[in-house]
Amino acid sequence: MTLKTKEQEFLSRIEQHKGILYKVSKMYMDNRDDQEDLFQEIICQLWKANDSFKGESQFSTWMYRVAINTAIVFLKKEKKKVDKYELSSTNIPDEEGDADIKERQLEHFYRAVQKLEKIDKAIIFYQLEGFSHREIGENLGISEGNARVKLNRAKEKLKEIIKNQGYEFKSLDEYKN
């Protein structure tokens, strides 16, 4: 396979599954610039690791693993920096349409997810992507039962964070796609 063909195939796969990368970026980083940086870093790591993809699983499954691992490493690096971003209530418009409200709810949800531990973020992410308990367990190297328990605990933590921030918790299904 020529480099150009390999590159075209890679770009096609990335385009097909780029929603995964956006979700991971939003779950791990709280401001747009950092999200964009993480998004680019994930693509770089995917390209570097592209030769290691053997086709033993779906490309999207392999991509999830690389994306989450990259996000965790990136997050560790970012934690060393001073956080310069704060959400000010003056940024919230008085009159919001349905799309604006939905966007604000998603921003609030992602902000709450960012406060979870790394493993809980990954579990919530896999849940949002529709993975079964078995698939979550396989991807994280834990049993199906352990995945179920960890998912329930992560949901409870997320509910508490959202409640403490003054919002009511919705079902995770409302945040899918």
C-alpha atoms as a PDB file:
ATOM      1  CA  MET A   1       0.000   0.000   0.000  1.00  0.00           C
ATOM      2  CA  THR A   2       1.438   3.374  -0.972  1.00  0.00           C
ATOM      3  CA  LEU A   3       1.783   6.175   1.560  1.00  0.00           C
ATOM      4  CA  LYS A   4      -0.833   8.225  -0.279  1.00  0.00           C
ATOM      5  CA  THR A   5      -3.336   5.340  -0.251  1.00  0.00           C
ATOM      6  CA  LYS A   6      -2.593   4.671   3.420  1.00  0.00           C
ATOM      7  CA  GLU A   7      -3.089   8.352   4.226  1.00  0.00           C
ATOM      8  CA  GLN A   8      -6.374   8.525   2.312  1.00  0.00           C
ATOM      9  CA  GLU A   9      -7.704   5.423   4.068  1.00  0.00           C
ATOM     10  CA  PHE A  10      -6.685   6.846   7.457  1.00  0.00           C
ATOM     11  CA  LEU A  11      -8.311  10.230   6.768  1.00  0.00           C
ATOM     12  CA  SER A  12     -11.492   8.518   5.584  1.00  0.00           C
ATOM     13  CA  ARG A  13     -11.692   6.482   8.794  1.00  0.00           C
ATOM     14  CA  ILE A  14     -11.026   9.555  10.934  1.00  0.00           C
ATOM     15  CA  GLU A  15     -13.748  11.484   9.094  1.00  0.00           C
ATOM     16  CA  GLN A  16     -16.179   8.604   9.602  1.00  0.00           C
ATOM     17  CA  HIS A  17     -15.547   8.462  13.365  1.00  0.00           C
ATOM     18  CA  LYS A  18     -14.573  12.038  14.236  1.00  0.00           C
ATOM     19  CA  GLY A  19     -17.561  12.357  16.577  1.00  0.00           C
ATOM     20  CA  ILE A  20     -15.711  10.018  18.944  1.00  0.00           C
ATOM     21  CA  LEU A  21     -12.777  12.413  19.032  1.00  0.00           C
ATOM     22  CA  TYR A  22     -14.994  15.427  19.718  1.00  0.00           C
ATOM     23  CA  LYS A  23     -16.687  13.641  22.613  1.00  0.00           C
ATOM     24  CA  VAL A  24     -13.419  12.532  24.173  1.00  0.00           C
ATOM     25  CA  SER A  25     -12.030  16.061  23.817  1.00  0.00           C
ATOM     26  CA  LYS A  26     -15.094  17.578  25.483  1.00  0.00           C
ATOM     27  CA  MET A  27     -15.072  15.036  28.291  1.00  0.00           C
ATOM     28  CA  TYR A  28     -11.453  15.598  29.211  1.00  0.00           C
ATOM     29  CA  MET A  29     -10.906  19.312  28.568  1.00  0.00           C
ATOM     30  CA  ASP A  30     -13.021  22.218  29.743  1.00  0.00           C
ATOM     31  CA  ASN A  31     -12.276  24.993  27.288  1.00  0.00           C
ATOM     32  CA  ARG A  32     -12.457  25.114  23.530  1.00  0.00           C
ATOM     33  CA  ASP A  33      -8.751  25.776  22.913  1.00  0.00           C
ATOM     34  CA  ASP A  34      -7.715  22.798  25.032  1.00  0.00           C
ATOM     35  CA  GLN A  35     -10.382  20.655  23.366  1.00  0.00           C
ATOM     36  CA  GLU A  36      -8.997  21.553  19.942  1.00  0.00           C
ATOM     37  CA  ASP A  37      -5.442  20.849  21.120  1.00  0.00           C
ATOM     38  CA  LEU A  38      -6.476  17.463  22.479  1.00  0.00           C
ATOM     39  CA  PHE A  39      -8.401  16.681  19.293  1.00  0.00           C
ATOM     40  CA  GLN A  40      -5.259  17.359  17.242  1.00  0.00           C
ATOM     41  CA  GLU A  41      -3.090  15.373  19.653  1.00  0.00           C
ATOM     42  CA  ILE A  42      -5.412  12.384  19.359  1.00  0.00           C
ATOM     43  CA  ILE A  43      -5.236  12.522  15.558  1.00  0.00           C
ATOM     44  CA  CYS A  44      -1.428  12.677  15.742  1.00  0.00           C
ATOM     45  CA  GLN A  45      -1.315   9.687  18.085  1.00  0.00           C
ATOM     46  CA  LEU A  46      -3.748   7.771  15.874  1.00  0.00           C
ATOM     47  CA  TRP A  47      -1.534   8.430  12.852  1.00  0.00           C
ATOM     48  CA  LYS A  48       1.596   7.357  14.749  1.00  0.00           C
ATOM     49  CA  ALA A  49      -0.145   4.185  15.935  1.00  0.00           C
ATOM     50  CA  ASN A  50      -1.931   3.502  12.637  1.00  0.00           C
ATOM     51  CA  ASP A  51       0.506   0.739  11.658  1.00  0.00           C
ATOM     52  CA  SER A  52      -0.263  -1.052  14.932  1.00  0.00           C
ATOM     53  CA  PHE A  53      -3.950  -1.434  13.958  1.00  0.00           C
ATOM     54  CA  LYS A  54      -4.163  -5.065  12.859  1.00  0.00           C
ATOM     55  CA  GLY A  55      -7.885  -5.233  12.146  1.00  0.00           C
ATOM     56  CA  GLU A  56      -8.508  -7.667  15.017  1.00  0.00           C
ATOM     57  CA  SER A  57     -11.217  -5.308  16.269  1.00  0.00           C
ATOM     58  CA  GLN A  58     -13.264  -2.591  14.632  1.00  0.00           C
ATOM     59  CA  PHE A  59     -11.331   0.557  13.806  1.00  0.00           C
ATOM     60  CA  SER A  60     -13.659   2.583  16.038  1.00  0.00           C
ATOM     61  CA  THR A  61     -12.926   0.319  19.041  1.00  0.00           C
ATOM     62  CA  TRP A  62      -9.185   0.707  18.517  1.00  0.00           C
ATOM     63  CA  MET A  63      -9.690   4.444  18.026  1.00  0.00           C
ATOM     64  CA  TYR A  64     -11.555   4.704  21.371  1.00  0.00           C
ATOM     65  CA  ARG A  65      -8.630   3.138  23.190  1.00  0.00           C
ATOM     66  CA  VAL A  66      -6.032   5.373  21.576  1.00  0.00           C
ATOM     67  CA  ALA A  67      -8.206   8.472  22.100  1.00  0.00           C
ATOM     68  CA  ILE A  68      -8.846   7.801  25.780  1.00  0.00           C
ATOM     69  CA  ASN A  69      -5.234   6.901  26.508  1.00  0.00           C
ATOM     70  CA  THR A  70      -4.084  10.050  24.713  1.00  0.00           C
ATOM     71  CA  ALA A  71      -6.620  12.144  26.633  1.00  0.00           C
ATOM     72  CA  ILE A  72      -5.402  10.783  29.961  1.00  0.00           C
ATOM     73  CA  VAL A  73      -1.763  11.565  29.142  1.00  0.00           C
ATOM     74  CA  PHE A  74      -2.742  14.988  27.777  1.00  0.00           C
ATOM     75  CA  LEU A  75      -4.792  15.714  30.903  1.00  0.00           C
ATOM     76  CA  LYS A  76      -1.812  14.924  33.133  1.00  0.00           C
ATOM     77  CA  LYS A  77       0.268  17.442  31.180  1.00  0.00           C
ATOM     78  CA  GLU A  78      -2.482  20.076  31.322  1.00  0.00           C
ATOM     79  CA  LYS A  79      -2.990  19.656  35.068  1.00  0.00           C
ATOM     80  CA  LYS A  80       0.522  21.040  35.507  1.00  0.00           C
ATOM     81  CA  LYS A  81      -0.513  24.268  33.821  1.00  0.00           C
ATOM     82  CA  VAL A  82      -2.518  26.980  35.560  1.00  0.00           C
ATOM     83  CA  ASP A  83      -6.177  26.918  34.554  1.00  0.00           C
ATOM     84  CA  LYS A  84      -6.967  30.306  33.021  1.00  0.00           C
ATOM     85  CA  TYR A  85     -10.540  29.596  31.980  1.00  0.00           C
ATOM     86  CA  GLU A  86     -13.570  30.337  34.117  1.00  0.00           C
ATOM     87  CA  LEU A  87     -17.201  30.350  33.094  1.00  0.00           C
ATOM     88  CA  SER A  88     -18.788  33.638  34.002  1.00  0.00           C
ATOM     89  CA  SER A  89     -22.508  33.948  34.497  1.00  0.00           C
ATOM     90  CA  THR A  90     -22.361  37.124  32.412  1.00  0.00           C
ATOM     91  CA  ASN A  91     -21.760  34.872  29.378  1.00  0.00           C
ATOM     92  CA  ILE A  92     -25.217  33.318  29.708  1.00  0.00           C
ATOM     93  CA  PRO A  93     -27.809  35.088  27.581  1.00  0.00           C
ATOM     94  CA  ASP A  94     -31.143  36.010  29.182  1.00  0.00           C
ATOM     95  CA  GLU A  95     -33.241  34.713  26.304  1.00  0.00           C
ATOM     96  CA  GLU A  96     -32.291  31.226  25.181  1.00  0.00           C
ATOM     97  CA  GLY A  97     -33.828  29.137  22.431  1.00  0.00           C
ATOM     98  CA  ASP A  98     -34.155  25.358  22.604  1.00  0.00           C
ATOM     99  CA  ALA A  99     -30.834  24.847  20.803  1.00  0.00           C
ATOM    100  CA  ASP A 100     -29.089  27.252  23.186  1.00  0.00           C
ATOM    101  CA  ILE A 101     -30.583  25.510  26.208  1.00  0.00           C
ATOM    102  CA  LYS A 102     -29.544  22.094  24.897  1.00  0.00           C
ATOM    103  CA  GLU A 103     -26.014  23.373  24.228  1.00  0.00           C
ATOM    104  CA  ARG A 104     -25.803  24.841  27.748  1.00  0.00           C
ATOM    105  CA  GLN A 105     -27.009  21.539  29.220  1.00  0.00           C
ATOM    106  CA  LEU A 106     -24.366  19.650  27.248  1.00  0.00           C
ATOM    107  CA  GLU A 107     -21.654  22.086  28.359  1.00  0.00           C
ATOM    108  CA  HIS A 108     -22.764  21.629  31.961  1.00  0.00           C
ATOM    109  CA  PHE A 109     -22.815  17.848  31.552  1.00  0.00           C
ATOM    110  CA  TYR A 110     -19.303  17.763  30.062  1.00  0.00           C
ATOM    111  CA  ARG A 111     -18.036  20.087  32.794  1.00  0.00           C
ATOM    112  CA  ALA A 112     -19.445  17.685  35.392  1.00  0.00           C
ATOM    113  CA  VAL A 113     -17.898  14.668  33.633  1.00  0.00           C
ATOM    114  CA  GLN A 114     -14.518  16.417  33.733  1.00  0.00           C
ATOM    115  CA  LYS A 115     -14.651  16.255  37.535  1.00  0.00           C
ATOM    116  CA  LEU A 116     -14.839  12.460  37.505  1.00  0.00           C
ATOM    117  CA  GLU A 117     -11.826  10.184  37.915  1.00  0.00           C
ATOM    118  CA  LYS A 118     -10.185   8.940  34.691  1.00  0.00           C
ATOM    119  CA  ILE A 119     -11.748   5.483  34.816  1.00  0.00           C
ATOM    120  CA  ASP A 120     -15.198   6.927  35.509  1.00  0.00           C
ATOM    121  CA  LYS A 121     -14.852   9.282  32.525  1.00  0.00           C
ATOM    122  CA  ALA A 122     -13.961   6.364  30.285  1.00  0.00           C
ATOM    123  CA  ILE A 123     -16.897   4.298  31.555  1.00  0.00           C
ATOM    124  CA  ILE A 124     -19.360   7.170  31.054  1.00  0.00           C
ATOM    125  CA  PHE A 125     -17.930   7.756  27.572  1.00  0.00           C
ATOM    126  CA  TYR A 126     -18.371   4.118  26.588  1.00  0.00           C
ATOM    127  CA  GLN A 127     -21.917   4.158  27.999  1.00  0.00           C
ATOM    128  CA  LEU A 128     -22.757   7.253  25.954  1.00  0.00           C
ATOM    129  CA  GLU A 129     -21.439   5.508  22.872  1.00  0.00           C
ATOM    130  CA  GLY A 130     -23.823   2.611  23.458  1.00  0.00           C
ATOM    131  CA  PHE A 131     -21.285  -0.005  24.540  1.00  0.00           C
ATOM    132  CA  SER A 132     -22.637  -2.968  26.508  1.00  0.00           C
ATOM    133  CA  HIS A 133     -21.317  -3.831  29.976  1.00  0.00           C
ATOM    134  CA  ARG A 134     -19.360  -6.666  28.374  1.00  0.00           C
ATOM    135  CA  GLU A 135     -17.786  -4.343  25.793  1.00  0.00           C
ATOM    136  CA  ILE A 136     -16.957  -1.748  28.441  1.00  0.00           C
ATOM    137  CA  GLY A 137     -15.284  -4.462  30.510  1.00  0.00           C
ATOM    138  CA  GLU A 138     -13.306  -5.756  27.524  1.00  0.00           C
ATOM    139  CA  ASN A 139     -12.090  -2.277  26.582  1.00  0.00           C
ATOM    140  CA  LEU A 140     -11.031  -1.448  30.138  1.00  0.00           C
ATOM    141  CA  GLY A 141      -9.656  -4.880  31.015  1.00  0.00           C
ATOM    142  CA  ILE A 142     -12.214  -5.590  33.748  1.00  0.00           C
ATOM    143  CA  SER A 143     -15.026  -8.113  34.124  1.00  0.00           C
ATOM    144  CA  GLU A 144     -18.540  -7.436  32.854  1.00  0.00           C
ATOM    145  CA  GLY A 145     -19.849  -7.413  36.427  1.00  0.00           C
ATOM    146  CA  ASN A 146     -17.157  -4.988  37.528  1.00  0.00           C
ATOM    147  CA  ALA A 147     -17.995  -2.749  34.561  1.00  0.00           C
ATOM    148  CA  ARG A 148     -21.654  -2.744  35.619  1.00  0.00           C
ATOM    149  CA  VAL A 149     -20.770  -1.820  39.224  1.00  0.00           C
ATOM    150  CA  LYS A 150     -18.294   0.874  38.151  1.00  0.00           C
ATOM    151  CA  LEU A 151     -20.818   2.331  35.704  1.00  0.00           C
ATOM    152  CA  ASN A 152     -23.481   2.579  38.402  1.00  0.00           C
ATOM    153  CA  ARG A 153     -21.022   4.221  40.782  1.00  0.00           C
ATOM    154  CA  ALA A 154     -19.859   6.641  38.079  1.00  0.00           C
ATOM    155  CA  LYS A 155     -23.487   7.585  37.355  1.00  0.00           C
ATOM    156  CA  GLU A 156     -24.086   8.238  41.052  1.00  0.00           C
ATOM    157  CA  LYS A 157     -20.966  10.423  41.266  1.00  0.00           C
ATOM    158  CA  LEU A 158     -22.070  12.297  38.159  1.00  0.00           C
ATOM    159  CA  LYS A 159     -25.556  12.838  39.599  1.00  0.00           C
ATOM    160  CA  GLU A 160     -24.036  14.246  42.780  1.00  0.00           C
ATOM    161  CA  ILE A 161     -21.721  16.605  40.882  1.00  0.00           C
ATOM    162  CA  ILE A 162     -24.579  17.860  38.717  1.00  0.00           C
ATOM    163  CA  LYS A 163     -26.848  18.264  41.737  1.00  0.00           C
ATOM    164  CA  ASN A 164     -24.138  20.185  43.624  1.00  0.00           C
ATOM    165  CA  GLN A 165     -23.768  22.516  40.645  1.00  0.00           C
ATOM    166  CA  GLY A 166     -27.464  23.376  40.738  1.00  0.00           C
ATOM    167  CA  TYR A 167     -28.772  21.285  37.846  1.00  0.00           C
ATOM    168  CA  GLU A 168     -30.996  18.254  37.851  1.00  0.00           C
ATOM    169  CA  PHE A 169     -29.524  15.021  36.541  1.00  0.00           C
ATOM    170  CA  LYS A 170     -30.969  13.631  33.348  1.00  0.00           C
ATOM    171  CA  SER A 171     -30.669  10.126  32.057  1.00  0.00           C
ATOM    172  CA  LEU A 172     -27.378   9.486  30.255  1.00  0.00           C
ATOM    173  CA  ASP A 173     -29.469   8.562  27.219  1.00  0.00           C
ATOM    174  CA  GLU A 174     -30.422  12.236  26.850  1.00  0.00           C
ATOM    175  CA  TYR A 175     -26.742  13.105  26.286  1.00  0.00           C
ATOM    176  CA  LYS A 176     -26.091  10.509  23.586  1.00  0.00           C
ATOM    177  CA  ASN A 177     -25.301  12.054  20.200  1.00  0.00           C
END
